[in-house]
Amino acid sequence: MTSLPQVPTVRGPVAVDGLGTVLMHEHVFVLSEELRQSIPENWDEQLRTDDAVTRLTALAETGVSTIVDPTVIGLGRDVRRVAAVNERVDLNIIVATGLYTLADVPDYFRYHGPGTLLGGPESMTDLFVRELTEGFAGTGIKAAFLKCAIEDELTPVVERVMRAVAQAHLRTGAPITVHTSAHAQTGLTAQEILRSEGVDLGAVVIGHSRDTADPDYLHRLIDNGS
């Protein structure tokens, strides 16, 4: 008998048929981490953790078994904080690797990688692959998918991140979700870039597509394979 594929979650791998009812785009926490540390009076760790536990417990009681959390670098991702919440809630939480930016990348990536001052290979791709295959920073918790973002226009930085995500997908097979602007129809732009890197668009979720009622745009996304 062939075993079903498994999906990495915060609590470990779960068989696909064990995921139950899934919500596909939920953020347990979204933070500006440097500001959180600089203005500590605005953040009570125990209070916020307890609040997340209360809300997710109520969600689980409705019959939801799994949430997919696309919180990545740029959105204040802290997998250890999410794991602390998950210890108290009977819910599968699937987490992502990738980078959310609409303008610039963290300074490290500005100076490391092709065409930068210090050069070298695309270190973003290597980071994403490591978080998919080995886990986050020694936690053993593995990402299950990749995340990137584009809003109203394709900037050079956004394109670089998107291509790094595509390369990580090609190396691992991990699916991709893209934050897009339905109003600006940038889901089509994301598809074009990812397809140019050899990504099968059937492995790509075009996020925030529900923000439009334009059937022509939605059909074009679907016809392209996402």
C-alpha atoms as a PDB file:
ATOM      1  CA  MET A   1       0.000   0.000   0.000  1.00  0.00           C
ATOM      2  CA  THR A   2       1.457   3.385  -0.998  1.00  0.00           C
ATOM      3  CA  SER A   3       1.637   5.871   1.876  1.00  0.00           C
ATOM      4  CA  LEU A   4       0.155   9.314   1.337  1.00  0.00           C
ATOM      5  CA  PRO A   5       2.467  12.301   1.037  1.00  0.00           C
ATOM      6  CA  GLN A   6       3.086  14.293   4.190  1.00  0.00           C
ATOM      7  CA  VAL A   7       3.077  18.036   4.756  1.00  0.00           C
ATOM      8  CA  PRO A   8       5.501  19.684   7.210  1.00  0.00           C
ATOM      9  CA  THR A   9       3.749  21.546  10.030  1.00  0.00           C
ATOM     10  CA  VAL A  10       4.938  23.308  13.161  1.00  0.00           C
ATOM     11  CA  ARG A  11       4.257  20.123  15.143  1.00  0.00           C
ATOM     12  CA  GLY A  12       5.807  17.814  12.557  1.00  0.00           C
ATOM     13  CA  PRO A  13       4.754  16.087   9.328  1.00  0.00           C
ATOM     14  CA  VAL A  14       1.059  15.339   8.782  1.00  0.00           C
ATOM     15  CA  ALA A  15      -0.371  13.070   6.078  1.00  0.00           C
ATOM     16  CA  VAL A  16      -2.385  14.937   3.475  1.00  0.00           C
ATOM     17  CA  ASP A  17      -5.583  13.120   4.444  1.00  0.00           C
ATOM     18  CA  GLY A  18      -5.042  14.205   8.055  1.00  0.00           C
ATOM     19  CA  LEU A  19      -5.143  17.932   7.339  1.00  0.00           C
ATOM     20  CA  GLY A  20      -8.942  18.111   7.490  1.00  0.00           C
ATOM     21  CA  THR A  21     -10.567  21.477   6.847  1.00  0.00           C
ATOM     22  CA  VAL A  22      -7.869  23.967   5.833  1.00  0.00           C
ATOM     23  CA  LEU A  23      -7.818  27.766   5.843  1.00  0.00           C
ATOM     24  CA  MET A  24      -5.288  28.750   3.188  1.00  0.00           C
ATOM     25  CA  HIS A  25      -4.121  32.230   4.241  1.00  0.00           C
ATOM     26  CA  GLU A  26      -3.984  33.120   7.938  1.00  0.00           C
ATOM     27  CA  HIS A  27      -1.338  35.093   9.863  1.00  0.00           C
ATOM     28  CA  VAL A  28      -0.890  34.104  13.512  1.00  0.00           C
ATOM     29  CA  PHE A  29       1.244  37.227  14.066  1.00  0.00           C
ATOM     30  CA  VAL A  30       2.338  40.081  11.791  1.00  0.00           C
ATOM     31  CA  LEU A  31       4.926  42.367  13.363  1.00  0.00           C
ATOM     32  CA  SER A  32       7.536  45.000  12.685  1.00  0.00           C
ATOM     33  CA  GLU A  33      10.097  43.265  14.874  1.00  0.00           C
ATOM     34  CA  GLU A  34      12.566  46.135  15.242  1.00  0.00           C
ATOM     35  CA  LEU A  35       9.765  48.495  16.277  1.00  0.00           C
ATOM     36  CA  ARG A  36       8.393  45.886  18.680  1.00  0.00           C
ATOM     37  CA  GLN A  37      11.756  45.744  20.401  1.00  0.00           C
ATOM     38  CA  SER A  38      12.122  49.528  20.364  1.00  0.00           C
ATOM     39  CA  ILE A  39       8.657  50.214  21.823  1.00  0.00           C
ATOM     40  CA  PRO A  40       8.248  47.335  24.300  1.00  0.00           C
ATOM     41  CA  GLU A  41       5.297  48.990  26.050  1.00  0.00           C
ATOM     42  CA  ASN A  42       3.238  48.295  22.941  1.00  0.00           C
ATOM     43  CA  TRP A  43       3.730  44.520  23.168  1.00  0.00           C
ATOM     44  CA  ASP A  44       2.916  42.168  26.021  1.00  0.00           C
ATOM     45  CA  GLU A  45       4.261  38.765  24.977  1.00  0.00           C
ATOM     46  CA  GLN A  46       2.115  36.730  27.370  1.00  0.00           C
ATOM     47  CA  LEU A  47      -1.031  38.702  26.577  1.00  0.00           C
ATOM     48  CA  ARG A  48      -0.577  38.416  22.794  1.00  0.00           C
ATOM     49  CA  THR A  49       0.284  34.721  23.026  1.00  0.00           C
ATOM     50  CA  ASP A  50      -2.760  34.023  25.198  1.00  0.00           C
ATOM     51  CA  ASP A  51      -4.932  35.968  22.771  1.00  0.00           C
ATOM     52  CA  ALA A  52      -3.651  33.917  19.831  1.00  0.00           C
ATOM     53  CA  VAL A  53      -4.339  30.702  21.737  1.00  0.00           C
ATOM     54  CA  THR A  54      -7.885  31.842  22.551  1.00  0.00           C
ATOM     55  CA  ARG A  55      -8.656  32.808  18.963  1.00  0.00           C
ATOM     56  CA  LEU A  56      -7.154  29.686  17.416  1.00  0.00           C
ATOM     57  CA  THR A  57      -8.881  27.434  19.956  1.00  0.00           C
ATOM     58  CA  ALA A  58     -12.201  29.008  18.996  1.00  0.00           C
ATOM     59  CA  LEU A  59     -11.343  28.446  15.345  1.00  0.00           C
ATOM     60  CA  ALA A  60     -10.528  24.781  15.939  1.00  0.00           C
ATOM     61  CA  GLU A  61     -13.857  24.343  17.718  1.00  0.00           C
ATOM     62  CA  THR A  62     -15.642  25.305  14.474  1.00  0.00           C
ATOM     63  CA  GLY A  63     -14.105  22.277  12.765  1.00  0.00           C
ATOM     64  CA  VAL A  64     -11.042  23.847  11.149  1.00  0.00           C
ATOM     65  CA  SER A  65      -8.073  21.480  11.496  1.00  0.00           C
ATOM     66  CA  THR A  66      -5.277  23.296   9.673  1.00  0.00           C
ATOM     67  CA  ILE A  67      -4.203  26.842   8.866  1.00  0.00           C
ATOM     68  CA  VAL A  68      -1.611  27.889   6.310  1.00  0.00           C
ATOM     69  CA  ASP A  69       0.448  30.819   7.612  1.00  0.00           C
ATOM     70  CA  PRO A  70       2.360  32.746   4.888  1.00  0.00           C
ATOM     71  CA  THR A  71       4.214  34.992   7.365  1.00  0.00           C
ATOM     72  CA  VAL A  72       7.790  35.284   6.111  1.00  0.00           C
ATOM     73  CA  ILE A  73      10.808  37.576   6.466  1.00  0.00           C
ATOM     74  CA  GLY A  74       9.512  41.126   6.201  1.00  0.00           C
ATOM     75  CA  LEU A  75       6.354  40.388   8.198  1.00  0.00           C
ATOM     76  CA  GLY A  76       8.000  39.742  11.556  1.00  0.00           C
ATOM     77  CA  ARG A  77       8.071  35.958  11.301  1.00  0.00           C
ATOM     78  CA  ASP A  78       9.061  34.191  14.526  1.00  0.00           C
ATOM     79  CA  VAL A  79       8.530  30.447  14.210  1.00  0.00           C
ATOM     80  CA  ARG A  80       9.400  29.879  17.871  1.00  0.00           C
ATOM     81  CA  ARG A  81       6.583  32.214  18.940  1.00  0.00           C
ATOM     82  CA  VAL A  82       4.131  30.391  16.680  1.00  0.00           C
ATOM     83  CA  ALA A  83       5.355  27.046  18.039  1.00  0.00           C
ATOM     84  CA  ALA A  84       4.716  28.239  21.609  1.00  0.00           C
ATOM     85  CA  VAL A  85       1.139  29.018  20.615  1.00  0.00           C
ATOM     86  CA  ASN A  86       0.760  25.712  18.806  1.00  0.00           C
ATOM     87  CA  GLU A  87       1.783  23.786  21.928  1.00  0.00           C
ATOM     88  CA  ARG A  88      -1.487  24.970  23.481  1.00  0.00           C
ATOM     89  CA  VAL A  89      -3.820  24.540  20.483  1.00  0.00           C
ATOM     90  CA  ASP A  90      -4.809  21.331  18.706  1.00  0.00           C
ATOM     91  CA  LEU A  91      -4.385  22.726  15.215  1.00  0.00           C
ATOM     92  CA  ASN A  92      -1.992  22.070  12.345  1.00  0.00           C
ATOM     93  CA  ILE A  93      -0.063  25.213  11.383  1.00  0.00           C
ATOM     94  CA  ILE A  94       1.776  25.145   8.058  1.00  0.00           C
ATOM     95  CA  VAL A  95       4.473  27.812   7.770  1.00  0.00           C
ATOM     96  CA  ALA A  96       6.356  29.396   4.890  1.00  0.00           C
ATOM     97  CA  THR A  97       9.753  30.552   3.804  1.00  0.00           C
ATOM     98  CA  GLY A  98      10.384  33.447   1.463  1.00  0.00           C
ATOM     99  CA  LEU A  99      10.511  37.202   1.680  1.00  0.00           C
ATOM    100  CA  TYR A 100       7.767  39.818   1.693  1.00  0.00           C
ATOM    101  CA  THR A 101       8.809  43.143   0.230  1.00  0.00           C
ATOM    102  CA  LEU A 102       7.172  45.709  -2.010  1.00  0.00           C
ATOM    103  CA  ALA A 103      10.209  47.991  -2.201  1.00  0.00           C
ATOM    104  CA  ASP A 104      13.604  46.856  -0.900  1.00  0.00           C
ATOM    105  CA  VAL A 105      15.300  43.836   0.632  1.00  0.00           C
ATOM    106  CA  PRO A 106      17.059  43.653   4.009  1.00  0.00           C
ATOM    107  CA  ASP A 107      20.553  45.178   3.845  1.00  0.00           C
ATOM    108  CA  TYR A 108      22.245  41.773   3.998  1.00  0.00           C
ATOM    109  CA  PHE A 109      20.729  40.846   0.644  1.00  0.00           C
ATOM    110  CA  ARG A 110      21.484  44.289  -0.796  1.00  0.00           C
ATOM    111  CA  TYR A 111      25.186  43.528  -0.410  1.00  0.00           C
ATOM    112  CA  HIS A 112      25.255  39.763  -0.979  1.00  0.00           C
ATOM    113  CA  GLY A 113      24.280  38.071  -4.244  1.00  0.00           C
ATOM    114  CA  PRO A 114      24.680  38.526  -7.992  1.00  0.00           C
ATOM    115  CA  GLY A 115      25.310  42.117  -9.016  1.00  0.00           C
ATOM    116  CA  THR A 116      25.787  43.362  -5.433  1.00  0.00           C
ATOM    117  CA  LEU A 117      28.857  44.917  -3.818  1.00  0.00           C
ATOM    118  CA  LEU A 118      30.070  41.655  -2.282  1.00  0.00           C
ATOM    119  CA  GLY A 119      28.724  39.406  -5.051  1.00  0.00           C
ATOM    120  CA  GLY A 120      28.359  35.652  -4.735  1.00  0.00           C
ATOM    121  CA  PRO A 121      25.455  33.294  -5.466  1.00  0.00           C
ATOM    122  CA  GLU A 122      21.856  34.207  -4.712  1.00  0.00           C
ATOM    123  CA  SER A 123      21.878  33.749  -0.943  1.00  0.00           C
ATOM    124  CA  MET A 124      18.125  34.184  -0.709  1.00  0.00           C
ATOM    125  CA  THR A 125      17.588  30.965  -2.635  1.00  0.00           C
ATOM    126  CA  ASP A 126      20.006  29.079  -0.406  1.00  0.00           C
ATOM    127  CA  LEU A 127      18.190  30.343   2.695  1.00  0.00           C
ATOM    128  CA  PHE A 128      14.794  29.366   1.346  1.00  0.00           C
ATOM    129  CA  VAL A 129      16.000  25.890   0.404  1.00  0.00           C
ATOM    130  CA  ARG A 130      17.544  25.368   3.837  1.00  0.00           C
ATOM    131  CA  GLU A 131      14.316  26.361   5.593  1.00  0.00           C
ATOM    132  CA  LEU A 132      12.381  23.935   3.406  1.00  0.00           C
ATOM    133  CA  THR A 133      14.765  21.000   3.762  1.00  0.00           C
ATOM    134  CA  GLU A 134      16.436  21.458   7.173  1.00  0.00           C
ATOM    135  CA  GLY A 135      14.179  23.827   9.079  1.00  0.00           C
ATOM    136  CA  PHE A 136      14.277  27.269  10.650  1.00  0.00           C
ATOM    137  CA  ALA A 137      17.438  28.215  12.531  1.00  0.00           C
ATOM    138  CA  GLY A 138      17.954  24.971  14.415  1.00  0.00           C
ATOM    139  CA  THR A 139      14.304  24.474  15.416  1.00  0.00           C
ATOM    140  CA  GLY A 140      13.733  21.468  13.181  1.00  0.00           C
ATOM    141  CA  ILE A 141      10.478  23.086  12.050  1.00  0.00           C
ATOM    142  CA  LYS A 142      10.353  23.020   8.258  1.00  0.00           C
ATOM    143  CA  ALA A 143       8.619  25.371   5.862  1.00  0.00           C
ATOM    144  CA  ALA A 144       6.127  23.725   3.515  1.00  0.00           C
ATOM    145  CA  PHE A 145       5.862  26.414   0.861  1.00  0.00           C
ATOM    146  CA  LEU A 146       7.363  29.626  -0.529  1.00  0.00           C
ATOM    147  CA  LYS A 147       6.032  33.189  -0.390  1.00  0.00           C
ATOM    148  CA  CYS A 148       6.837  36.374  -2.327  1.00  0.00           C
ATOM    149  CA  ALA A 149       4.938  39.573  -3.048  1.00  0.00           C
ATOM    150  CA  ILE A 150       4.142  42.121  -5.719  1.00  0.00           C
ATOM    151  CA  GLU A 151       1.784  45.061  -5.356  1.00  0.00           C
ATOM    152  CA  ASP A 152       1.181  47.648  -8.089  1.00  0.00           C
ATOM    153  CA  GLU A 153       4.363  47.242 -10.115  1.00  0.00           C
ATOM    154  CA  LEU A 154       7.326  44.978 -10.724  1.00  0.00           C
ATOM    155  CA  THR A 155      10.424  46.626  -9.262  1.00  0.00           C
ATOM    156  CA  PRO A 156      13.930  45.184  -9.718  1.00  0.00           C
ATOM    157  CA  VAL A 157      13.982  44.094  -6.072  1.00  0.00           C
ATOM    158  CA  VAL A 158      10.577  42.410  -6.253  1.00  0.00           C
ATOM    159  CA  GLU A 159      11.671  40.614  -9.408  1.00  0.00           C
ATOM    160  CA  ARG A 160      14.870  39.439  -7.740  1.00  0.00           C
ATOM    161  CA  VAL A 161      12.953  37.964  -4.816  1.00  0.00           C
ATOM    162  CA  MET A 162      10.459  36.324  -7.147  1.00  0.00           C
ATOM    163  CA  ARG A 163      13.212  34.691  -9.188  1.00  0.00           C
ATOM    164  CA  ALA A 164      14.944  33.493  -6.007  1.00  0.00           C
ATOM    165  CA  VAL A 165      11.666  31.932  -4.887  1.00  0.00           C
ATOM    166  CA  ALA A 166      11.278  30.293  -8.302  1.00  0.00           C
ATOM    167  CA  GLN A 167      14.758  28.785  -8.081  1.00  0.00           C
ATOM    168  CA  ALA A 168      14.044  27.444  -4.593  1.00  0.00           C
ATOM    169  CA  HIS A 169      10.856  25.877  -5.965  1.00  0.00           C
ATOM    170  CA  LEU A 170      12.771  24.206  -8.777  1.00  0.00           C
ATOM    171  CA  ARG A 171      15.286  22.782  -6.297  1.00  0.00           C
ATOM    172  CA  THR A 172      12.700  21.476  -3.821  1.00  0.00           C
ATOM    173  CA  GLY A 173       9.310  21.186  -5.534  1.00  0.00           C
ATOM    174  CA  ALA A 174       7.730  23.320  -2.801  1.00  0.00           C
ATOM    175  CA  PRO A 175       4.604  25.219  -3.914  1.00  0.00           C
ATOM    176  CA  ILE A 176       4.515  29.020  -4.094  1.00  0.00           C
ATOM    177  CA  THR A 177       2.000  31.610  -2.953  1.00  0.00           C
ATOM    178  CA  VAL A 178       2.261  35.208  -4.150  1.00  0.00           C
ATOM    179  CA  HIS A 179       0.782  38.285  -2.511  1.00  0.00           C
ATOM    180  CA  THR A 180      -0.621  40.296  -5.422  1.00  0.00           C
ATOM    181  CA  SER A 181      -2.776  43.299  -6.200  1.00  0.00           C
ATOM    182  CA  ALA A 182      -5.951  42.203  -7.946  1.00  0.00           C
ATOM    183  CA  HIS A 183      -6.715  45.852  -8.757  1.00  0.00           C
ATOM    184  CA  ALA A 184      -3.405  46.206 -10.638  1.00  0.00           C
ATOM    185  CA  GLN A 185      -3.708  42.644 -11.985  1.00  0.00           C
ATOM    186  CA  THR A 186      -0.149  41.869 -10.924  1.00  0.00           C
ATOM    187  CA  GLY A 187      -0.985  38.204 -10.543  1.00  0.00           C
ATOM    188  CA  LEU A 188      -0.397  38.012 -14.287  1.00  0.00           C
ATOM    189  CA  THR A 189       3.011  39.659 -13.876  1.00  0.00           C
ATOM    190  CA  ALA A 190       3.949  37.170 -11.182  1.00  0.00           C
ATOM    191  CA  GLN A 191       2.894  34.288 -13.397  1.00  0.00           C
ATOM    192  CA  GLU A 192       5.017  35.650 -16.259  1.00  0.00           C
ATOM    193  CA  ILE A 193       8.153  35.922 -14.111  1.00  0.00           C
ATOM    194  CA  LEU A 194       7.711  32.540 -12.456  1.00  0.00           C
ATOM    195  CA  ARG A 195       6.951  30.811 -15.753  1.00  0.00           C
ATOM    196  CA  SER A 196      10.085  32.364 -17.301  1.00  0.00           C
ATOM    197  CA  GLU A 197      12.094  30.587 -14.596  1.00  0.00           C
ATOM    198  CA  GLY A 198      10.524  27.242 -15.462  1.00  0.00           C
ATOM    199  CA  VAL A 199       7.925  27.068 -12.675  1.00  0.00           C
ATOM    200  CA  ASP A 200       4.816  24.959 -13.314  1.00  0.00           C
ATOM    201  CA  LEU A 201       2.042  27.488 -12.610  1.00  0.00           C
ATOM    202  CA  GLY A 202      -0.100  24.664 -11.272  1.00  0.00           C
ATOM    203  CA  ALA A 203       2.106  24.908  -8.175  1.00  0.00           C
ATOM    204  CA  VAL A 204       1.389  28.635  -7.727  1.00  0.00           C
ATOM    205  CA  VAL A 205      -1.389  30.240  -5.671  1.00  0.00           C
ATOM    206  CA  ILE A 206      -2.165  33.833  -6.672  1.00  0.00           C
ATOM    207  CA  GLY A 207      -3.040  35.414  -3.341  1.00  0.00           C
ATOM    208  CA  HIS A 208      -5.741  38.054  -2.816  1.00  0.00           C
ATOM    209  CA  SER A 209      -7.485  37.173  -6.078  1.00  0.00           C
ATOM    210  CA  ARG A 210     -10.787  37.520  -4.244  1.00  0.00           C
ATOM    211  CA  ASP A 211     -10.203  41.299  -4.096  1.00  0.00           C
ATOM    212  CA  THR A 212     -11.717  41.665  -7.556  1.00  0.00           C
ATOM    213  CA  ALA A 213     -14.935  40.652  -9.245  1.00  0.00           C
ATOM    214  CA  ASP A 214     -13.405  40.994 -12.729  1.00  0.00           C
ATOM    215  CA  PRO A 215     -14.057  37.564 -14.287  1.00  0.00           C
ATOM    216  CA  ASP A 216     -11.746  38.251 -17.231  1.00  0.00           C
ATOM    217  CA  TYR A 217      -8.739  38.735 -14.953  1.00  0.00           C
ATOM    218  CA  LEU A 218      -9.600  35.685 -12.871  1.00  0.00           C
ATOM    219  CA  HIS A 219     -10.106  33.506 -15.936  1.00  0.00           C
ATOM    220  CA  ARG A 220      -6.731  34.591 -17.313  1.00  0.00           C
ATOM    221  CA  LEU A 221      -5.062  33.512 -14.065  1.00  0.00           C
ATOM    222  CA  ILE A 222      -6.877  30.185 -14.172  1.00  0.00           C
ATOM    223  CA  ASP A 223      -6.195  29.626 -17.864  1.00  0.00           C
ATOM    224  CA  ASN A 224      -2.479  30.147 -17.174  1.00  0.00           C
ATOM    225  CA  GLY A 225      -2.675  27.219 -14.784  1.00  0.00           C
ATOM    226  CA  SER A 226      -2.681  28.679 -11.267  1.00  0.00           C
END
